[in-house]
Amino acid sequence: EEGNQLDKHYGLAIDIGTTTVVVYLVDLASGDILGVESDYNQQVI
């Protein structure tokens, strides 16, 4: 990336369940969980 972008460093922790999927957005510098989302696994249909 152009310039200093050290503060924009993120990753995902994901659990794919048969019924439910959970995703964490994680700051890879601090280790903080910045957000959590979940929904039914669309495969259930």
PDB file of all heavy atoms in Angstrom:
ATOM      1  N   GLU A   1       0.838  -1.198   0.000  1.00  0.00           N
ATOM      2  CA  GLU A   1       0.000   0.000   0.000  1.00  0.00           C
ATOM      3  C   GLU A   1       0.874   1.249   0.000  1.00  0.00           C
ATOM      4  O   GLU A   1       1.985   1.251   0.549  1.00  0.00           O
ATOM      5  CB  GLU A   1      -0.906   0.011   1.233  1.00  0.00           C
ATOM      6  CG  GLU A   1      -1.807  -1.213   1.344  1.00  0.00           C
ATOM      7  CD  GLU A   1      -2.413  -1.315   2.727  1.00  0.00           C
ATOM      8  OE1 GLU A   1      -3.456  -0.660   2.969  1.00  0.00           O
ATOM      9  OE2 GLU A   1      -1.861  -2.043   3.575  1.00  0.00           O
ATOM     10  N   GLU A   2       0.339   2.304  -0.557  1.00  0.00           N
ATOM     11  CA  GLU A   2       1.063   3.573  -0.581  1.00  0.00           C
ATOM     12  C   GLU A   2       1.072   4.204   0.806  1.00  0.00           C
ATOM     13  O   GLU A   2       0.043   4.250   1.481  1.00  0.00           O
ATOM     14  CB  GLU A   2       0.406   4.531  -1.575  1.00  0.00           C
ATOM     15  CG  GLU A   2       0.429   4.026  -3.008  1.00  0.00           C
ATOM     16  CD  GLU A   2      -0.337   4.944  -3.946  1.00  0.00           C
ATOM     17  OE1 GLU A   2      -0.497   6.138  -3.604  1.00  0.00           O
ATOM     18  OE2 GLU A   2      -0.774   4.478  -5.022  1.00  0.00           O
ATOM     19  N   GLY A   3       2.234   4.684   1.223  1.00  0.00           N
ATOM     20  CA  GLY A   3       2.341   5.393   2.498  1.00  0.00           C
ATOM     21  C   GLY A   3       2.304   4.458   3.698  1.00  0.00           C
ATOM     22  O   GLY A   3       2.418   3.239   3.583  1.00  0.00           O
ATOM     23  N   ASN A   4       2.149   5.069   4.863  1.00  0.00           N
ATOM     24  CA  ASN A   4       2.142   4.321   6.129  1.00  0.00           C
ATOM     25  C   ASN A   4       0.709   3.871   6.451  1.00  0.00           C
ATOM     26  O   ASN A   4      -0.144   4.680   6.775  1.00  0.00           O
ATOM     27  CB  ASN A   4       2.696   5.197   7.260  1.00  0.00           C
ATOM     28  CG  ASN A   4       2.911   4.401   8.539  1.00  0.00           C
ATOM     29  OD1 ASN A   4       2.242   3.397   8.791  1.00  0.00           O
ATOM     30  ND2 ASN A   4       3.846   4.853   9.361  1.00  0.00           N
ATOM     31  N   GLN A   5       0.450   2.582   6.357  1.00  0.00           N
ATOM     32  CA  GLN A   5      -0.876   2.015   6.612  1.00  0.00           C
ATOM     33  C   GLN A   5      -0.827   0.985   7.747  1.00  0.00           C
ATOM     34  O   GLN A   5      -1.639   0.062   7.792  1.00  0.00           O
ATOM     35  CB  GLN A   5      -1.417   1.349   5.331  1.00  0.00           C
ATOM     36  CG  GLN A   5      -1.468   2.242   4.120  1.00  0.00           C
ATOM     37  CD  GLN A   5      -2.578   3.268   4.215  1.00  0.00           C
ATOM     38  OE1 GLN A   5      -3.510   3.135   5.003  1.00  0.00           O
ATOM     39  NE2 GLN A   5      -2.493   4.320   3.416  1.00  0.00           N
ATOM     40  N   LEU A   6       0.101   1.168   8.679  1.00  0.00           N
ATOM     41  CA  LEU A   6       0.283   0.199   9.751  1.00  0.00           C
ATOM     42  C   LEU A   6      -0.945   0.080  10.656  1.00  0.00           C
ATOM     43  O   LEU A   6      -1.155  -0.951  11.307  1.00  0.00           O
ATOM     44  CB  LEU A   6       1.510   0.555  10.600  1.00  0.00           C
ATOM     45  CG  LEU A   6       2.873   0.451   9.913  1.00  0.00           C
ATOM     46  CD1 LEU A   6       3.975   0.908  10.861  1.00  0.00           C
ATOM     47  CD2 LEU A   6       3.139  -0.969   9.437  1.00  0.00           C
ATOM     48  N   ASP A   7      -1.752   1.136  10.703  1.00  0.00           N
ATOM     49  CA  ASP A   7      -2.902   1.124  11.608  1.00  0.00           C
ATOM     50  C   ASP A   7      -4.112   0.410  11.004  1.00  0.00           C
ATOM     51  O   ASP A   7      -5.160   0.316  11.652  1.00  0.00           O
ATOM     52  CB  ASP A   7      -3.297   2.553  11.990  1.00  0.00           C
ATOM     53  CG  ASP A   7      -3.674   3.403  10.786  1.00  0.00           C
ATOM     54  OD1 ASP A   7      -3.226   3.066   9.675  1.00  0.00           O
ATOM     55  OD2 ASP A   7      -4.412   4.389  10.960  1.00  0.00           O
ATOM     56  N   LYS A   8      -3.996  -0.095   9.802  1.00  0.00           N
ATOM     57  CA  LYS A   8      -5.121  -0.783   9.154  1.00  0.00           C
ATOM     58  C   LYS A   8      -4.734  -2.243   8.913  1.00  0.00           C
ATOM     59  O   LYS A   8      -4.348  -2.639   7.806  1.00  0.00           O
ATOM     60  CB  LYS A   8      -5.480  -0.088   7.835  1.00  0.00           C
ATOM     61  CG  LYS A   8      -5.955   1.345   8.033  1.00  0.00           C
ATOM     62  CD  LYS A   8      -6.144   2.068   6.710  1.00  0.00           C
ATOM     63  CE  LYS A   8      -6.582   3.516   6.947  1.00  0.00           C
ATOM     64  NZ  LYS A   8      -6.672   4.273   5.677  1.00  0.00           N
ATOM     65  N   HIS A   9      -4.839  -3.018   9.967  1.00  0.00           N
ATOM     66  CA  HIS A   9      -4.350  -4.395   9.937  1.00  0.00           C
ATOM     67  C   HIS A   9      -5.375  -5.289  10.637  1.00  0.00           C
ATOM     68  O   HIS A   9      -5.462  -5.314  11.869  1.00  0.00           O
ATOM     69  CB  HIS A   9      -2.987  -4.476  10.632  1.00  0.00           C
ATOM     70  CG  HIS A   9      -2.286  -5.780  10.443  1.00  0.00           C
ATOM     71  ND1 HIS A   9      -1.269  -6.203  11.262  1.00  0.00           N
ATOM     72  CD2 HIS A   9      -2.445  -6.776   9.521  1.00  0.00           C
ATOM     73  CE1 HIS A   9      -0.836  -7.380  10.858  1.00  0.00           C
ATOM     74  NE2 HIS A   9      -1.537  -7.739   9.806  1.00  0.00           N
ATOM     75  N   TYR A  10      -6.144  -6.020   9.861  1.00  0.00           N
ATOM     76  CA  TYR A  10      -7.282  -6.747  10.426  1.00  0.00           C
ATOM     77  C   TYR A  10      -7.311  -8.200   9.957  1.00  0.00           C
ATOM     78  O   TYR A  10      -6.747  -8.562   8.921  1.00  0.00           O
ATOM     79  CB  TYR A  10      -8.599  -6.065  10.021  1.00  0.00           C
ATOM     80  CG  TYR A  10      -8.611  -4.582  10.304  1.00  0.00           C
ATOM     81  CD1 TYR A  10      -8.484  -3.655   9.263  1.00  0.00           C
ATOM     82  CD2 TYR A  10      -8.714  -4.101  11.598  1.00  0.00           C
ATOM     83  CE1 TYR A  10      -8.481  -2.292   9.519  1.00  0.00           C
ATOM     84  CE2 TYR A  10      -8.714  -2.736  11.859  1.00  0.00           C
ATOM     85  CZ  TYR A  10      -8.593  -1.838  10.821  1.00  0.00           C
ATOM     86  OH  TYR A  10      -8.584  -0.489  11.079  1.00  0.00           O
ATOM     87  N   GLY A  11      -7.996  -9.024  10.752  1.00  0.00           N
ATOM     88  CA  GLY A  11      -8.188 -10.426  10.406  1.00  0.00           C
ATOM     89  C   GLY A  11      -9.541 -10.898  10.882  1.00  0.00           C
ATOM     90  O   GLY A  11     -10.264 -10.179  11.586  1.00  0.00           O
ATOM     91  N   LEU A  12      -9.893 -12.114  10.502  1.00  0.00           N
ATOM     92  CA  LEU A  12     -11.186 -12.685  10.863  1.00  0.00           C
ATOM     93  C   LEU A  12     -10.990 -14.011  11.585  1.00  0.00           C
ATOM     94  O   LEU A  12     -10.172 -14.844  11.182  1.00  0.00           O
ATOM     95  CB  LEU A  12     -12.032 -12.941   9.613  1.00  0.00           C
ATOM     96  CG  LEU A  12     -12.355 -11.747   8.727  1.00  0.00           C
ATOM     97  CD1 LEU A  12     -13.046 -12.225   7.452  1.00  0.00           C
ATOM     98  CD2 LEU A  12     -13.236 -10.732   9.454  1.00  0.00           C
ATOM     99  N   ALA A  13     -11.756 -14.203  12.640  1.00  0.00           N
ATOM    100  CA  ALA A  13     -11.883 -15.509  13.295  1.00  0.00           C
ATOM    101  C   ALA A  13     -13.295 -15.994  13.002  1.00  0.00           C
ATOM    102  O   ALA A  13     -14.270 -15.272  13.242  1.00  0.00           O
ATOM    103  CB  ALA A  13     -11.652 -15.391  14.799  1.00  0.00           C
ATOM    104  N   ILE A  14     -13.412 -17.206  12.478  1.00  0.00           N
ATOM    105  CA  ILE A  14     -14.695 -17.676  11.956  1.00  0.00           C
ATOM    106  C   ILE A  14     -15.016 -19.062  12.505  1.00  0.00           C
ATOM    107  O   ILE A  14     -14.146 -19.936  12.578  1.00  0.00           O
ATOM    108  CB  ILE A  14     -14.659 -17.744  10.413  1.00  0.00           C
ATOM    109  CG1 ILE A  14     -14.416 -16.340   9.826  1.00  0.00           C
ATOM    110  CG2 ILE A  14     -15.939 -18.351   9.854  1.00  0.00           C
ATOM    111  CD1 ILE A  14     -14.153 -16.348   8.321  1.00  0.00           C
ATOM    112  N   ASP A  15     -16.269 -19.241  12.894  1.00  0.00           N
ATOM    113  CA  ASP A  15     -16.787 -20.572  13.217  1.00  0.00           C
ATOM    114  C   ASP A  15     -17.915 -20.881  12.245  1.00  0.00           C
ATOM    115  O   ASP A  15     -18.929 -20.177  12.219  1.00  0.00           O
ATOM    116  CB  ASP A  15     -17.315 -20.630  14.654  1.00  0.00           C
ATOM    117  CG  ASP A  15     -18.091 -21.921  14.929  1.00  0.00           C
ATOM    118  OD1 ASP A  15     -17.603 -22.989  14.522  1.00  0.00           O
ATOM    119  OD2 ASP A  15     -19.180 -21.843  15.526  1.00  0.00           O
ATOM    120  N   ILE A  16     -17.727 -21.911  11.427  1.00  0.00           N
ATOM    121  CA  ILE A  16     -18.782 -22.347  10.510  1.00  0.00           C
ATOM    122  C   ILE A  16     -19.507 -23.517  11.152  1.00  0.00           C
ATOM    123  O   ILE A  16     -19.007 -24.651  11.155  1.00  0.00           O
ATOM    124  CB  ILE A  16     -18.217 -22.750   9.137  1.00  0.00           C
ATOM    125  CG1 ILE A  16     -17.515 -21.557   8.477  1.00  0.00           C
ATOM    126  CG2 ILE A  16     -19.331 -23.264   8.230  1.00  0.00           C
ATOM    127  CD1 ILE A  16     -16.885 -21.877   7.137  1.00  0.00           C
ATOM    128  N   GLY A  17     -20.659 -23.239  11.736  1.00  0.00           N
ATOM    129  CA  GLY A  17     -21.471 -24.287  12.309  1.00  0.00           C
ATOM    130  C   GLY A  17     -22.462 -24.814  11.288  1.00  0.00           C
ATOM    131  O   GLY A  17     -22.760 -24.153  10.290  1.00  0.00           O
ATOM    132  N   THR A  18     -22.987 -25.994  11.540  1.00  0.00           N
ATOM    133  CA  THR A  18     -23.977 -26.573  10.639  1.00  0.00           C
ATOM    134  C   THR A  18     -25.216 -25.695  10.576  1.00  0.00           C
ATOM    135  O   THR A  18     -25.825 -25.533   9.507  1.00  0.00           O
ATOM    136  CB  THR A  18     -24.358 -27.982  11.117  1.00  0.00           C
ATOM    137  OG1 THR A  18     -23.157 -28.741  11.323  1.00  0.00           O
ATOM    138  CG2 THR A  18     -25.233 -28.692  10.099  1.00  0.00           C
ATOM    139  N   THR A  19     -25.568 -25.087  11.707  1.00  0.00           N
ATOM    140  CA  THR A  19     -26.750 -24.223  11.760  1.00  0.00           C
ATOM    141  C   THR A  19     -26.397 -22.745  11.736  1.00  0.00           C
ATOM    142  O   THR A  19     -27.041 -21.956  11.051  1.00  0.00           O
ATOM    143  CB  THR A  19     -27.570 -24.537  13.033  1.00  0.00           C
ATOM    144  OG1 THR A  19     -27.894 -25.927  13.065  1.00  0.00           O
ATOM    145  CG2 THR A  19     -28.848 -23.714  13.070  1.00  0.00           C
ATOM    146  N   THR A  20     -25.360 -22.363  12.479  1.00  0.00           N
ATOM    147  CA  THR A  20     -25.044 -20.948  12.664  1.00  0.00           C
ATOM    148  C   THR A  20     -23.588 -20.663  12.316  1.00  0.00           C
ATOM    149  O   THR A  20     -22.705 -21.472  12.585  1.00  0.00           O
ATOM    150  CB  THR A  20     -25.297 -20.538  14.139  1.00  0.00           C
ATOM    151  OG1 THR A  20     -26.640 -20.871  14.489  1.00  0.00           O
ATOM    152  CG2 THR A  20     -25.094 -19.052  14.337  1.00  0.00           C
ATOM    153  N   VAL A  21     -23.354 -19.488  11.719  1.00  0.00           N
ATOM    154  CA  VAL A  21     -22.004 -19.030  11.384  1.00  0.00           C
ATOM    155  C   VAL A  21     -21.702 -17.785  12.207  1.00  0.00           C
ATOM    156  O   VAL A  21     -22.538 -16.880  12.301  1.00  0.00           O
ATOM    157  CB  VAL A  21     -21.876 -18.709   9.874  1.00  0.00           C
ATOM    158  CG1 VAL A  21     -20.487 -18.187   9.543  1.00  0.00           C
ATOM    159  CG2 VAL A  21     -22.201 -19.945   9.046  1.00  0.00           C
ATOM    160  N   VAL A  22     -20.524 -17.741  12.813  1.00  0.00           N
ATOM    161  CA  VAL A  22     -20.102 -16.600  13.632  1.00  0.00           C
ATOM    162  C   VAL A  22     -18.782 -16.068  13.084  1.00  0.00           C
ATOM    163  O   VAL A  22     -17.876 -16.848  12.771  1.00  0.00           O
ATOM    164  CB  VAL A  22     -19.918 -16.995  15.112  1.00  0.00           C
ATOM    165  CG1 VAL A  22     -19.465 -15.788  15.944  1.00  0.00           C
ATOM    166  CG2 VAL A  22     -21.212 -17.576  15.684  1.00  0.00           C
ATOM    167  N   VAL A  23     -18.680 -14.745  12.967  1.00  0.00           N
ATOM    168  CA  VAL A  23     -17.454 -14.113  12.464  1.00  0.00           C
ATOM    169  C   VAL A  23     -17.043 -12.984  13.408  1.00  0.00           C
ATOM    170  O   VAL A  23     -17.862 -12.121  13.746  1.00  0.00           O
ATOM    171  CB  VAL A  23     -17.652 -13.536  11.042  1.00  0.00           C
ATOM    172  CG1 VAL A  23     -16.346 -12.939  10.525  1.00  0.00           C
ATOM    173  CG2 VAL A  23     -18.150 -14.613  10.082  1.00  0.00           C
ATOM    174  N   TYR A  24     -15.784 -13.008  13.840  1.00  0.00           N
ATOM    175  CA  TYR A  24     -15.187 -11.917  14.615  1.00  0.00           C
ATOM    176  C   TYR A  24     -14.291 -11.104  13.682  1.00  0.00           C
ATOM    177  O   TYR A  24     -13.490 -11.678  12.934  1.00  0.00           O
ATOM    178  CB  TYR A  24     -14.293 -12.431  15.740  1.00  0.00           C
ATOM    179  CG  TYR A  24     -14.956 -13.062  16.933  1.00  0.00           C
ATOM    180  CD1 TYR A  24     -16.332 -13.256  17.001  1.00  0.00           C
ATOM    181  CD2 TYR A  24     -14.177 -13.490  18.010  1.00  0.00           C
ATOM    182  CE1 TYR A  24     -16.909 -13.837  18.113  1.00  0.00           C
ATOM    183  CE2 TYR A  24     -14.744 -14.078  19.127  1.00  0.00           C
ATOM    184  CZ  TYR A  24     -16.105 -14.256  19.171  1.00  0.00           C
ATOM    185  OH  TYR A  24     -16.671 -14.847  20.282  1.00  0.00           O
ATOM    186  N   LEU A  25     -14.383  -9.784  13.757  1.00  0.00           N
ATOM    187  CA  LEU A  25     -13.407  -8.895  13.130  1.00  0.00           C
ATOM    188  C   LEU A  25     -12.393  -8.523  14.203  1.00  0.00           C
ATOM    189  O   LEU A  25     -12.758  -7.987  15.254  1.00  0.00           O
ATOM    190  CB  LEU A  25     -14.073  -7.638  12.581  1.00  0.00           C
ATOM    191  CG  LEU A  25     -13.132  -6.577  11.994  1.00  0.00           C
ATOM    192  CD1 LEU A  25     -12.395  -7.108  10.765  1.00  0.00           C
ATOM    193  CD2 LEU A  25     -13.895  -5.305  11.653  1.00  0.00           C
ATOM    194  N   VAL A  26     -11.111  -8.810  13.948  1.00  0.00           N
ATOM    195  CA  VAL A  26     -10.073  -8.658  14.967  1.00  0.00           C
ATOM    196  C   VAL A  26      -9.003  -7.686  14.493  1.00  0.00           C
ATOM    197  O   VAL A  26      -8.560  -7.737  13.335  1.00  0.00           O
ATOM    198  CB  VAL A  26      -9.423 -10.030  15.273  1.00  0.00           C
ATOM    199  CG1 VAL A  26      -8.357  -9.897  16.356  1.00  0.00           C
ATOM    200  CG2 VAL A  26     -10.487 -11.051  15.702  1.00  0.00           C
ATOM    201  N   ASP A  27      -8.604  -6.770  15.394  1.00  0.00           N
ATOM    202  CA  ASP A  27      -7.470  -5.889  15.146  1.00  0.00           C
ATOM    203  C   ASP A  27      -6.205  -6.697  15.400  1.00  0.00           C
ATOM    204  O   ASP A  27      -5.946  -7.108  16.539  1.00  0.00           O
ATOM    205  CB  ASP A  27      -7.532  -4.678  16.079  1.00  0.00           C
ATOM    206  CG  ASP A  27      -6.458  -3.641  15.787  1.00  0.00           C
ATOM    207  OD1 ASP A  27      -5.308  -4.037  15.507  1.00  0.00           O
ATOM    208  OD2 ASP A  27      -6.757  -2.433  15.861  1.00  0.00           O
ATOM    209  N   LEU A  28      -5.408  -6.947  14.371  1.00  0.00           N
ATOM    210  CA  LEU A  28      -4.246  -7.817  14.514  1.00  0.00           C
ATOM    211  C   LEU A  28      -3.097  -7.149  15.256  1.00  0.00           C
ATOM    212  O   LEU A  28      -2.163  -7.836  15.688  1.00  0.00           O
ATOM    213  CB  LEU A  28      -3.778  -8.294  13.138  1.00  0.00           C
ATOM    214  CG  LEU A  28      -4.772  -9.177  12.377  1.00  0.00           C
ATOM    215  CD1 LEU A  28      -4.161  -9.663  11.067  1.00  0.00           C
ATOM    216  CD2 LEU A  28      -5.236 -10.354  13.211  1.00  0.00           C
ATOM    217  N   ALA A  29      -3.154  -5.847  15.427  1.00  0.00           N
ATOM    218  CA  ALA A  29      -2.104  -5.164  16.191  1.00  0.00           C
ATOM    219  C   ALA A  29      -2.372  -5.235  17.680  1.00  0.00           C
ATOM    220  O   ALA A  29      -1.490  -5.557  18.480  1.00  0.00           O
ATOM    221  CB  ALA A  29      -1.991  -3.715  15.740  1.00  0.00           C
ATOM    222  N   SER A  30      -3.615  -4.973  18.072  1.00  0.00           N
ATOM    223  CA  SER A  30      -3.957  -4.935  19.498  1.00  0.00           C
ATOM    224  C   SER A  30      -4.549  -6.239  20.014  1.00  0.00           C
ATOM    225  O   SER A  30      -4.530  -6.513  21.209  1.00  0.00           O
ATOM    226  CB  SER A  30      -4.959  -3.805  19.758  1.00  0.00           C
ATOM    227  OG  SER A  30      -6.207  -4.092  19.139  1.00  0.00           O
ATOM    228  N   GLY A  31      -5.118  -7.025  19.113  1.00  0.00           N
ATOM    229  CA  GLY A  31      -5.817  -8.241  19.526  1.00  0.00           C
ATOM    230  C   GLY A  31      -7.271  -8.009  19.878  1.00  0.00           C
ATOM    231  O   GLY A  31      -7.989  -8.950  20.217  1.00  0.00           O
ATOM    232  N   ASP A  32      -7.732  -6.777  19.781  1.00  0.00           N
ATOM    233  CA  ASP A  32      -9.110  -6.455  20.162  1.00  0.00           C
ATOM    234  C   ASP A  32     -10.111  -7.026  19.155  1.00  0.00           C
ATOM    235  O   ASP A  32      -9.854  -7.038  17.940  1.00  0.00           O
ATOM    236  CB  ASP A  32      -9.310  -4.932  20.235  1.00  0.00           C
ATOM    237  CG  ASP A  32      -8.519  -4.302  21.367  1.00  0.00           C
ATOM    238  OD1 ASP A  32      -8.144  -5.024  22.312  1.00  0.00           O
ATOM    239  OD2 ASP A  32      -8.262  -3.085  21.290  1.00  0.00           O
ATOM    240  N   ILE A  33     -11.255  -7.465  19.673  1.00  0.00           N
ATOM    241  CA  ILE A  33     -12.372  -7.863  18.820  1.00  0.00           C
ATOM    242  C   ILE A  33     -13.169  -6.596  18.503  1.00  0.00           C
ATOM    243  O   ILE A  33     -13.754  -5.981  19.397  1.00  0.00           O
ATOM    244  CB  ILE A  33     -13.259  -8.912  19.510  1.00  0.00           C
ATOM    245  CG1 ILE A  33     -12.450 -10.175  19.805  1.00  0.00           C
ATOM    246  CG2 ILE A  33     -14.472  -9.255  18.635  1.00  0.00           C
ATOM    247  CD1 ILE A  33     -13.188 -11.198  20.652  1.00  0.00           C
ATOM    248  N   LEU A  34     -13.177  -6.186  17.244  1.00  0.00           N
ATOM    249  CA  LEU A  34     -13.809  -4.930  16.851  1.00  0.00           C
ATOM    250  C   LEU A  34     -15.290  -5.092  16.516  1.00  0.00           C
ATOM    251  O   LEU A  34     -16.034  -4.112  16.525  1.00  0.00           O
ATOM    252  CB  LEU A  34     -13.083  -4.346  15.633  1.00  0.00           C
ATOM    253  CG  LEU A  34     -11.579  -4.091  15.812  1.00  0.00           C
ATOM    254  CD1 LEU A  34     -11.000  -3.526  14.529  1.00  0.00           C
ATOM    255  CD2 LEU A  34     -11.323  -3.155  16.983  1.00  0.00           C
ATOM    256  N   GLY A  35     -15.693  -6.297  16.210  1.00  0.00           N
ATOM    257  CA  GLY A  35     -17.091  -6.516  15.867  1.00  0.00           C
ATOM    258  C   GLY A  35     -17.382  -7.998  15.752  1.00  0.00           C
ATOM    259  O   GLY A  35     -16.481  -8.808  15.506  1.00  0.00           O
ATOM    260  N   VAL A  36     -18.641  -8.347  15.944  1.00  0.00           N
ATOM    261  CA  VAL A  36     -19.087  -9.733  15.841  1.00  0.00           C
ATOM    262  C   VAL A  36     -20.374  -9.769  15.041  1.00  0.00           C
ATOM    263  O   VAL A  36     -21.272  -8.958  15.263  1.00  0.00           O
ATOM    264  CB  VAL A  36     -19.343 -10.356  17.234  1.00  0.00           C
ATOM    265  CG1 VAL A  36     -19.742 -11.823  17.104  1.00  0.00           C
ATOM    266  CG2 VAL A  36     -18.133 -10.211  18.133  1.00  0.00           C
ATOM    267  N   GLU A  37     -20.440 -10.681  14.091  1.00  0.00           N
ATOM    268  CA  GLU A  37     -21.677 -10.893  13.345  1.00  0.00           C
ATOM    269  C   GLU A  37     -21.976 -12.386  13.283  1.00  0.00           C
ATOM    270  O   GLU A  37     -21.066 -13.217  13.346  1.00  0.00           O
ATOM    271  CB  GLU A  37     -21.572 -10.338  11.915  1.00  0.00           C
ATOM    272  CG  GLU A  37     -21.775  -8.839  11.814  1.00  0.00           C
ATOM    273  CD  GLU A  37     -23.226  -8.414  11.950  1.00  0.00           C
ATOM    274  OE1 GLU A  37     -24.089  -9.287  12.189  1.00  0.00           O
ATOM    275  OE2 GLU A  37     -23.497  -7.213  11.817  1.00  0.00           O
ATOM    276  N   SER A  38     -23.250 -12.709  13.169  1.00  0.00           N
ATOM    277  CA  SER A  38     -23.666 -14.102  13.108  1.00  0.00           C
ATOM    278  C   SER A  38     -24.954 -14.213  12.321  1.00  0.00           C
ATOM    279  O   SER A  38     -25.754 -13.278  12.269  1.00  0.00           O
ATOM    280  CB  SER A  38     -23.862 -14.644  14.527  1.00  0.00           C
ATOM    281  OG  SER A  38     -24.384 -15.947  14.506  1.00  0.00           O
ATOM    282  N   ASP A  39     -25.163 -15.363  11.712  1.00  0.00           N
ATOM    283  CA  ASP A  39     -26.411 -15.607  10.995  1.00  0.00           C
ATOM    284  C   ASP A  39     -26.537 -17.107  10.757  1.00  0.00           C
ATOM    285  O   ASP A  39     -25.583 -17.871  10.945  1.00  0.00           O
ATOM    286  CB  ASP A  39     -26.429 -14.861   9.659  1.00  0.00           C
ATOM    287  CG  ASP A  39     -27.853 -14.581   9.169  1.00  0.00           C
ATOM    288  OD1 ASP A  39     -28.802 -15.072   9.813  1.00  0.00           O
ATOM    289  OD2 ASP A  39     -28.006 -13.879   8.156  1.00  0.00           O
ATOM    290  N   TYR A  40     -27.739 -17.509  10.348  1.00  0.00           N
ATOM    291  CA  TYR A  40     -27.921 -18.899   9.967  1.00  0.00           C
ATOM    292  C   TYR A  40     -27.038 -19.227   8.760  1.00  0.00           C
ATOM    293  O   TYR A  40     -26.832 -18.402   7.872  1.00  0.00           O
ATOM    294  CB  TYR A  40     -29.379 -19.169   9.589  1.00  0.00           C
ATOM    295  CG  TYR A  40     -30.302 -19.312  10.772  1.00  0.00           C
ATOM    296  CD1 TYR A  40     -31.277 -18.353  11.037  1.00  0.00           C
ATOM    297  CD2 TYR A  40     -30.206 -20.411  11.623  1.00  0.00           C
ATOM    298  CE1 TYR A  40     -32.131 -18.478  12.119  1.00  0.00           C
ATOM    299  CE2 TYR A  40     -31.051 -20.547  12.712  1.00  0.00           C
ATOM    300  CZ  TYR A  40     -32.017 -19.578  12.960  1.00  0.00           C
ATOM    301  OH  TYR A  40     -32.850 -19.716  14.031  1.00  0.00           O
ATOM    302  N   ASN A  41     -26.510 -20.441   8.744  1.00  0.00           N
ATOM    303  CA  ASN A  41     -25.795 -20.959   7.589  1.00  0.00           C
ATOM    304  C   ASN A  41     -26.815 -21.154   6.468  1.00  0.00           C
ATOM    305  O   ASN A  41     -27.775 -21.907   6.619  1.00  0.00           O
ATOM    306  CB  ASN A  41     -25.141 -22.298   7.975  1.00  0.00           C
ATOM    307  CG  ASN A  41     -24.255 -22.856   6.886  1.00  0.00           C
ATOM    308  OD1 ASN A  41     -24.459 -22.595   5.710  1.00  0.00           O
ATOM    309  ND2 ASN A  41     -23.276 -23.651   7.280  1.00  0.00           N
ATOM    310  N   GLN A  42     -26.621 -20.463   5.349  1.00  0.00           N
ATOM    311  CA  GLN A  42     -27.597 -20.523   4.251  1.00  0.00           C
ATOM    312  C   GLN A  42     -27.784 -21.934   3.699  1.00  0.00           C
ATOM    313  O   GLN A  42     -28.756 -22.212   2.983  1.00  0.00           O
ATOM    314  CB  GLN A  42     -27.178 -19.580   3.124  1.00  0.00           C
ATOM    315  CG  GLN A  42     -27.310 -18.098   3.476  1.00  0.00           C
ATOM    316  CD  GLN A  42     -26.874 -17.201   2.334  1.00  0.00           C
ATOM    317  OE1 GLN A  42     -26.896 -17.598   1.171  1.00  0.00           O
ATOM    318  NE2 GLN A  42     -26.451 -15.977   2.653  1.00  0.00           N
ATOM    319  N   GLN A  43     -26.897 -22.841   4.062  1.00  0.00           N
ATOM    320  CA  GLN A  43     -27.038 -24.227   3.614  1.00  0.00           C
ATOM    321  C   GLN A  43     -28.257 -24.925   4.226  1.00  0.00           C
ATOM    322  O   GLN A  43     -28.662 -25.987   3.740  1.00  0.00           O
ATOM    323  CB  GLN A  43     -25.786 -25.035   3.964  1.00  0.00           C
ATOM    324  CG  GLN A  43     -24.531 -24.614   3.228  1.00  0.00           C
ATOM    325  CD  GLN A  43     -23.321 -25.368   3.738  1.00  0.00           C
ATOM    326  OE1 GLN A  43     -23.354 -26.028   4.775  1.00  0.00           O
ATOM    327  NE2 GLN A  43     -22.209 -25.273   3.013  1.00  0.00           N
ATOM    328  N   VAL A  44     -28.833 -24.358   5.280  1.00  0.00           N
ATOM    329  CA  VAL A  44     -29.933 -25.040   5.974  1.00  0.00           C
ATOM    330  C   VAL A  44     -31.116 -25.314   5.048  1.00  0.00           C
ATOM    331  O   VAL A  44     -31.890 -26.240   5.305  1.00  0.00           O
ATOM    332  CB  VAL A  44     -30.416 -24.251   7.219  1.00  0.00           C
ATOM    333  CG1 VAL A  44     -29.335 -24.189   8.275  1.00  0.00           C
ATOM    334  CG2 VAL A  44     -30.904 -22.865   6.841  1.00  0.00           C
ATOM    335  N   ILE A  45     -31.256 -24.543   3.977  1.00  0.00           N
ATOM    336  CA  ILE A  45     -32.377 -24.793   3.064  1.00  0.00           C
ATOM    337  C   ILE A  45     -32.199 -26.115   2.322  1.00  0.00           C
ATOM    338  O   ILE A  45     -33.163 -26.646   1.748  1.00  0.00           O
ATOM    339  CB  ILE A  45     -32.555 -23.640   2.040  1.00  0.00           C
ATOM    340  CG1 ILE A  45     -31.326 -23.517   1.133  1.00  0.00           C
ATOM    341  CG2 ILE A  45     -32.852 -22.329   2.745  1.00  0.00           C
ATOM    342  CD1 ILE A  45     -31.500 -22.529  -0.001  1.00  0.00           C
TER     343      ILE A  45
END
